[in-house]
Amino acid sequence: MTAFQKSFDKSIWEVVSQIAVGRVMSYGEVARAAGYPRHARMVARAMSRSEEKLPWHRVVKSDRTIAFEVGSEPYKKQQALLLNEGVQLKEGKVIPITSDKNRELDEVLWGPSDDN
């Protein structure tokens, strides 16, 4: 494993582990939040290398759909995990518990600030 891969993986794991229950992030959002914009395609592979359990089910495609083939066992598992957290699926799109519509980008990516 290269130094880049170790650093990349650790950064991805940190971001994914902090995605709150009932929330989702796209692969691209995870990559950007980890400091690696334009590396979205590497996120799933990095998650698979983690020895710690990650909330992998909270990572979705940029169009907010589940990345697995509809009806497949991995799709059903991710769907069930998300639904169990209160997330809804509408026409195949993941709808988190609360909308990000009126939230600042920093809060969406990093969570609420400690200043509040």
N, C-alpha and C. Protein backbone atom coordinates (compact mmCIF):
# COMPACT_ATOMS: atom_id res chain seq x y z
N MET A 1 0.85 -1.17 0.00
CA MET A 1 0.00 0.00 0.00
C MET A 1 0.91 1.25 0.00
N THR A 2 0.59 2.18 -0.87
CA THR A 2 1.38 3.40 -0.99
C THR A 2 1.03 4.38 0.13
N ALA A 3 1.91 5.36 0.33
CA ALA A 3 1.65 6.40 1.33
C ALA A 3 0.39 7.18 0.97
N PHE A 4 0.21 7.46 -0.34
CA PHE A 4 -1.00 8.17 -0.78
C PHE A 4 -2.24 7.37 -0.41
N GLN A 5 -2.23 6.08 -0.70
CA GLN A 5 -3.40 5.25 -0.44
C GLN A 5 -3.71 5.19 1.06
N LYS A 6 -2.68 5.08 1.89
CA LYS A 6 -2.90 5.06 3.34
C LYS A 6 -3.54 6.36 3.81
N SER A 7 -3.01 7.48 3.34
CA SER A 7 -3.52 8.79 3.73
C SER A 7 -4.95 8.98 3.21
N PHE A 8 -5.16 8.61 1.95
CA PHE A 8 -6.48 8.73 1.34
C PHE A 8 -7.50 7.89 2.11
N ASP A 9 -7.18 6.62 2.32
CA ASP A 9 -8.10 5.72 3.01
C ASP A 9 -8.46 6.27 4.39
N LYS A 10 -7.47 6.67 5.16
CA LYS A 10 -7.72 7.18 6.51
C LYS A 10 -8.64 8.39 6.47
N SER A 11 -8.42 9.28 5.52
CA SER A 11 -9.27 10.47 5.40
C SER A 11 -10.71 10.10 5.04
N ILE A 12 -10.86 9.16 4.13
CA ILE A 12 -12.20 8.69 3.72
C ILE A 12 -12.90 8.05 4.91
N TRP A 13 -12.21 7.18 5.61
CA TRP A 13 -12.81 6.49 6.76
C TRP A 13 -13.29 7.49 7.80
N GLU A 14 -12.50 8.52 8.04
CA GLU A 14 -12.86 9.54 9.03
C GLU A 14 -14.15 10.25 8.63
N VAL A 15 -14.26 10.64 7.37
CA VAL A 15 -15.45 11.35 6.90
C VAL A 15 -16.67 10.44 6.97
N VAL A 16 -16.55 9.22 6.44
CA VAL A 16 -17.69 8.30 6.40
C VAL A 16 -18.14 7.97 7.83
N SER A 17 -17.21 7.79 8.74
CA SER A 17 -17.58 7.43 10.12
C SER A 17 -18.35 8.55 10.80
N GLN A 18 -18.25 9.78 10.29
CA GLN A 18 -18.93 10.91 10.91
C GLN A 18 -20.28 11.26 10.26
N ILE A 19 -20.70 10.52 9.26
CA ILE A 19 -22.01 10.78 8.65
C ILE A 19 -23.07 10.38 9.68
N ALA A 20 -23.90 11.31 10.03
CA ALA A 20 -24.90 11.10 11.09
C ALA A 20 -25.99 10.13 10.66
N VAL A 21 -26.59 9.50 11.64
CA VAL A 21 -27.73 8.61 11.42
C VAL A 21 -28.81 9.38 10.68
N GLY A 22 -29.38 8.78 9.65
CA GLY A 22 -30.46 9.40 8.90
C GLY A 22 -30.00 10.39 7.84
N ARG A 23 -28.69 10.53 7.68
CA ARG A 23 -28.11 11.45 6.70
C ARG A 23 -27.37 10.63 5.64
N VAL A 24 -27.11 11.22 4.51
CA VAL A 24 -26.32 10.57 3.46
C VAL A 24 -25.37 11.58 2.84
N MET A 25 -24.32 11.07 2.23
CA MET A 25 -23.40 11.87 1.43
C MET A 25 -23.12 11.10 0.16
N SER A 26 -22.85 11.82 -0.91
CA SER A 26 -22.47 11.15 -2.15
C SER A 26 -20.99 10.80 -2.09
N TYR A 27 -20.57 9.91 -2.97
CA TYR A 27 -19.15 9.54 -3.05
C TYR A 27 -18.31 10.79 -3.29
N GLY A 28 -18.76 11.68 -4.15
CA GLY A 28 -18.03 12.91 -4.43
C GLY A 28 -17.95 13.83 -3.23
N GLU A 29 -19.04 13.93 -2.48
CA GLU A 29 -19.04 14.76 -1.27
C GLU A 29 -18.07 14.21 -0.23
N VAL A 30 -18.03 12.89 -0.11
CA VAL A 30 -17.09 12.27 0.82
C VAL A 30 -15.66 12.58 0.40
N ALA A 31 -15.37 12.43 -0.88
CA ALA A 31 -14.02 12.70 -1.38
C ALA A 31 -13.62 14.16 -1.13
N ARG A 32 -14.53 15.09 -1.44
CA ARG A 32 -14.24 16.51 -1.22
C ARG A 32 -14.03 16.82 0.26
N ALA A 33 -14.91 16.29 1.11
CA ALA A 33 -14.80 16.54 2.55
C ALA A 33 -13.50 15.96 3.11
N ALA A 34 -12.99 14.91 2.50
CA ALA A 34 -11.75 14.28 2.95
C ALA A 34 -10.52 15.01 2.41
N GLY A 35 -10.77 15.99 1.53
CA GLY A 35 -9.65 16.74 0.96
C GLY A 35 -9.14 16.19 -0.35
N TYR A 36 -9.92 15.34 -0.98
CA TYR A 36 -9.53 14.72 -2.24
C TYR A 36 -10.61 14.91 -3.30
N PRO A 37 -10.84 16.16 -3.72
CA PRO A 37 -11.84 16.37 -4.78
C PRO A 37 -11.42 15.61 -6.03
N ARG A 38 -12.38 15.21 -6.81
CA ARG A 38 -12.14 14.47 -8.06
C ARG A 38 -11.66 13.04 -7.84
N HIS A 39 -11.86 12.51 -6.64
CA HIS A 39 -11.47 11.12 -6.35
C HIS A 39 -12.68 10.28 -5.91
N ALA A 40 -13.87 10.67 -6.35
CA ALA A 40 -15.09 9.98 -5.94
C ALA A 40 -15.07 8.50 -6.27
N ARG A 41 -14.47 8.15 -7.39
CA ARG A 41 -14.48 6.74 -7.81
C ARG A 41 -13.61 5.86 -6.92
N MET A 42 -12.79 6.46 -6.10
CA MET A 42 -11.90 5.70 -5.22
C MET A 42 -12.50 5.49 -3.82
N VAL A 43 -13.61 6.15 -3.53
CA VAL A 43 -14.19 6.13 -2.18
C VAL A 43 -14.67 4.73 -1.79
N ALA A 44 -15.41 4.06 -2.64
CA ALA A 44 -15.94 2.74 -2.30
C ALA A 44 -14.81 1.75 -2.02
N ARG A 45 -13.77 1.81 -2.82
CA ARG A 45 -12.63 0.90 -2.63
C ARG A 45 -11.97 1.19 -1.28
N ALA A 46 -11.81 2.46 -0.94
CA ALA A 46 -11.22 2.83 0.35
C ALA A 46 -12.08 2.32 1.50
N MET A 47 -13.39 2.45 1.38
CA MET A 47 -14.29 1.98 2.43
C MET A 47 -14.16 0.46 2.60
N SER A 48 -13.97 -0.26 1.50
CA SER A 48 -13.88 -1.71 1.58
C SER A 48 -12.59 -2.17 2.27
N ARG A 49 -11.60 -1.30 2.32
CA ARG A 49 -10.33 -1.66 2.97
C ARG A 49 -10.33 -1.40 4.48
N SER A 50 -11.35 -0.78 5.00
CA SER A 50 -11.40 -0.47 6.42
C SER A 50 -11.59 -1.74 7.25
N GLU A 51 -10.79 -1.85 8.29
CA GLU A 51 -10.95 -2.97 9.21
C GLU A 51 -12.04 -2.67 10.24
N GLU A 52 -12.32 -1.39 10.43
CA GLU A 52 -13.39 -0.97 11.33
C GLU A 52 -14.70 -0.93 10.56
N LYS A 53 -15.79 -1.15 11.26
CA LYS A 53 -17.10 -1.10 10.63
C LYS A 53 -17.46 0.36 10.34
N LEU A 54 -17.79 0.64 9.09
CA LEU A 54 -18.19 1.99 8.68
C LEU A 54 -19.67 2.00 8.31
N PRO A 55 -20.33 3.14 8.46
CA PRO A 55 -21.73 3.24 8.02
C PRO A 55 -21.78 3.43 6.50
N TRP A 56 -21.30 2.44 5.77
CA TRP A 56 -21.18 2.47 4.31
C TRP A 56 -22.51 2.75 3.64
N HIS A 57 -23.60 2.34 4.27
CA HIS A 57 -24.93 2.49 3.68
C HIS A 57 -25.34 3.95 3.56
N ARG A 58 -24.64 4.86 4.22
CA ARG A 58 -24.97 6.29 4.16
C ARG A 58 -24.27 7.00 3.00
N VAL A 59 -23.58 6.25 2.16
CA VAL A 59 -22.90 6.83 1.00
C VAL A 59 -23.66 6.39 -0.25
N VAL A 60 -24.07 7.37 -1.04
CA VAL A 60 -24.91 7.12 -2.22
C VAL A 60 -24.32 7.82 -3.45
N LYS A 61 -24.91 7.57 -4.59
CA LYS A 61 -24.47 8.23 -5.81
C LYS A 61 -24.83 9.72 -5.78
N SER A 62 -24.22 10.48 -6.66
CA SER A 62 -24.44 11.93 -6.68
C SER A 62 -25.89 12.31 -6.96
N ASP A 63 -26.63 11.43 -7.64
CA ASP A 63 -28.05 11.72 -7.90
C ASP A 63 -28.94 11.24 -6.75
N ARG A 64 -28.31 10.87 -5.64
CA ARG A 64 -28.98 10.42 -4.41
C ARG A 64 -29.70 9.08 -4.58
N THR A 65 -29.20 8.23 -5.45
CA THR A 65 -29.73 6.88 -5.57
C THR A 65 -28.69 5.89 -5.03
N ILE A 66 -29.16 4.72 -4.70
CA ILE A 66 -28.28 3.65 -4.23
C ILE A 66 -27.47 3.14 -5.42
N ALA A 67 -26.19 2.89 -5.20
CA ALA A 67 -25.28 2.54 -6.29
C ALA A 67 -25.44 1.11 -6.81
N PHE A 68 -26.07 0.25 -6.05
CA PHE A 68 -26.23 -1.14 -6.47
C PHE A 68 -27.41 -1.30 -7.42
N GLU A 69 -27.40 -2.38 -8.16
CA GLU A 69 -28.49 -2.67 -9.08
C GLU A 69 -29.80 -2.86 -8.30
N VAL A 70 -30.84 -2.18 -8.75
CA VAL A 70 -32.14 -2.25 -8.09
C VAL A 70 -32.59 -3.70 -7.98
N GLY A 71 -32.98 -4.09 -6.76
CA GLY A 71 -33.46 -5.44 -6.52
C GLY A 71 -32.38 -6.43 -6.12
N SER A 72 -31.11 -6.06 -6.28
CA SER A 72 -30.03 -6.97 -5.90
C SER A 72 -29.95 -7.07 -4.38
N GLU A 73 -29.29 -8.09 -3.86
CA GLU A 73 -29.17 -8.25 -2.41
C GLU A 73 -28.45 -7.06 -1.76
N PRO A 74 -27.32 -6.56 -2.34
CA PRO A 74 -26.69 -5.38 -1.74
C PRO A 74 -27.61 -4.16 -1.73
N TYR A 75 -28.41 -4.00 -2.79
CA TYR A 75 -29.36 -2.89 -2.86
C TYR A 75 -30.38 -3.01 -1.72
N LYS A 76 -30.94 -4.21 -1.58
CA LYS A 76 -31.95 -4.44 -0.54
C LYS A 76 -31.37 -4.21 0.86
N LYS A 77 -30.12 -4.63 1.06
CA LYS A 77 -29.48 -4.44 2.38
C LYS A 77 -29.29 -2.96 2.67
N GLN A 78 -28.77 -2.20 1.69
CA GLN A 78 -28.55 -0.78 1.91
C GLN A 78 -29.88 -0.07 2.11
N GLN A 79 -30.87 -0.42 1.32
CA GLN A 79 -32.19 0.17 1.45
C GLN A 79 -32.76 -0.09 2.85
N ALA A 80 -32.65 -1.32 3.32
CA ALA A 80 -33.19 -1.67 4.64
C ALA A 80 -32.47 -0.90 5.75
N LEU A 81 -31.15 -0.78 5.66
CA LEU A 81 -30.39 -0.04 6.66
C LEU A 81 -30.79 1.43 6.69
N LEU A 82 -30.96 2.02 5.52
CA LEU A 82 -31.37 3.43 5.45
C LEU A 82 -32.78 3.63 5.98
N LEU A 83 -33.70 2.76 5.57
CA LEU A 83 -35.09 2.87 6.04
C LEU A 83 -35.15 2.71 7.56
N ASN A 84 -34.32 1.83 8.11
CA ASN A 84 -34.27 1.61 9.55
C ASN A 84 -33.84 2.87 10.30
N GLU A 85 -33.09 3.74 9.62
CA GLU A 85 -32.63 5.00 10.23
C GLU A 85 -33.62 6.14 10.01
N GLY A 86 -34.74 5.86 9.34
CA GLY A 86 -35.74 6.89 9.11
C GLY A 86 -35.63 7.59 7.77
N VAL A 87 -34.64 7.19 6.97
CA VAL A 87 -34.48 7.76 5.64
C VAL A 87 -35.61 7.21 4.76
N GLN A 88 -36.06 8.01 3.83
CA GLN A 88 -37.10 7.57 2.90
C GLN A 88 -36.52 7.44 1.50
N LEU A 89 -37.14 6.60 0.70
CA LEU A 89 -36.80 6.51 -0.71
C LEU A 89 -38.03 6.89 -1.51
N LYS A 90 -37.87 7.84 -2.40
CA LYS A 90 -38.98 8.29 -3.23
C LYS A 90 -38.52 8.23 -4.68
N GLU A 91 -39.19 7.38 -5.45
CA GLU A 91 -38.84 7.17 -6.84
C GLU A 91 -37.36 6.82 -7.00
N GLY A 92 -36.87 5.99 -6.06
CA GLY A 92 -35.50 5.53 -6.11
C GLY A 92 -34.46 6.46 -5.52
N LYS A 93 -34.88 7.65 -5.12
CA LYS A 93 -33.95 8.63 -4.56
C LYS A 93 -34.03 8.62 -3.03
N VAL A 94 -32.87 8.74 -2.43
CA VAL A 94 -32.77 8.75 -0.97
C VAL A 94 -33.11 10.14 -0.45
N ILE A 95 -34.05 10.19 0.48
CA ILE A 95 -34.46 11.45 1.11
C ILE A 95 -34.05 11.36 2.58
N PRO A 96 -33.02 12.14 3.01
CA PRO A 96 -32.60 12.06 4.41
C PRO A 96 -33.69 12.53 5.35
N ILE A 97 -33.50 12.29 6.63
CA ILE A 97 -34.49 12.66 7.65
C ILE A 97 -34.83 14.13 7.57
N THR A 98 -33.84 15.00 7.44
CA THR A 98 -34.07 16.43 7.28
C THR A 98 -33.42 16.88 5.99
N SER A 99 -33.98 17.87 5.38
CA SER A 99 -33.47 18.37 4.11
C SER A 99 -32.27 19.27 4.32
N ASP A 100 -31.35 19.26 3.35
CA ASP A 100 -30.19 20.14 3.36
C ASP A 100 -30.49 21.46 2.66
N LYS A 101 -31.72 21.63 2.19
CA LYS A 101 -32.06 22.75 1.32
C LYS A 101 -31.65 24.11 1.88
N ASN A 102 -31.88 24.36 3.14
CA ASN A 102 -31.61 25.68 3.70
C ASN A 102 -30.39 25.70 4.63
N ARG A 103 -29.53 24.72 4.51
CA ARG A 103 -28.36 24.66 5.38
C ARG A 103 -27.12 25.13 4.64
N GLU A 104 -26.19 25.70 5.36
CA GLU A 104 -24.92 26.13 4.79
C GLU A 104 -24.12 24.90 4.38
N LEU A 105 -23.33 25.01 3.30
CA LEU A 105 -22.54 23.89 2.81
C LEU A 105 -21.58 23.35 3.86
N ASP A 106 -20.92 24.21 4.61
CA ASP A 106 -20.00 23.75 5.65
C ASP A 106 -20.72 22.89 6.68
N GLU A 107 -21.94 23.28 7.05
CA GLU A 107 -22.69 22.49 8.02
C GLU A 107 -23.09 21.14 7.45
N VAL A 108 -23.46 21.11 6.17
CA VAL A 108 -23.84 19.86 5.53
C VAL A 108 -22.66 18.90 5.52
N LEU A 109 -21.48 19.41 5.15
CA LEU A 109 -20.30 18.55 5.03
C LEU A 109 -19.66 18.23 6.37
N TRP A 110 -19.65 19.19 7.32
CA TRP A 110 -18.88 19.01 8.54
C TRP A 110 -19.73 18.93 9.80
N GLY A 111 -21.01 19.23 9.70
CA GLY A 111 -21.86 19.21 10.87
C GLY A 111 -21.97 20.59 11.48
N PRO A 112 -22.81 20.75 12.47
CA PRO A 112 -23.01 22.07 13.09
C PRO A 112 -21.72 22.54 13.76
N SER A 113 -21.51 23.83 13.74
CA SER A 113 -20.31 24.39 14.37
C SER A 113 -20.49 24.39 15.88
N ASP A 114 -19.39 24.45 16.59
CA ASP A 114 -19.42 24.49 18.05
C ASP A 114 -19.74 25.88 18.57
N ASP A 115 -19.83 26.85 17.66
CA ASP A 115 -20.09 28.24 18.05
C ASP A 115 -21.52 28.46 18.49
N ASN A 116 -22.42 27.56 18.10
CA ASN A 116 -23.86 27.77 18.36
C ASN A 116 -24.23 27.42 19.76
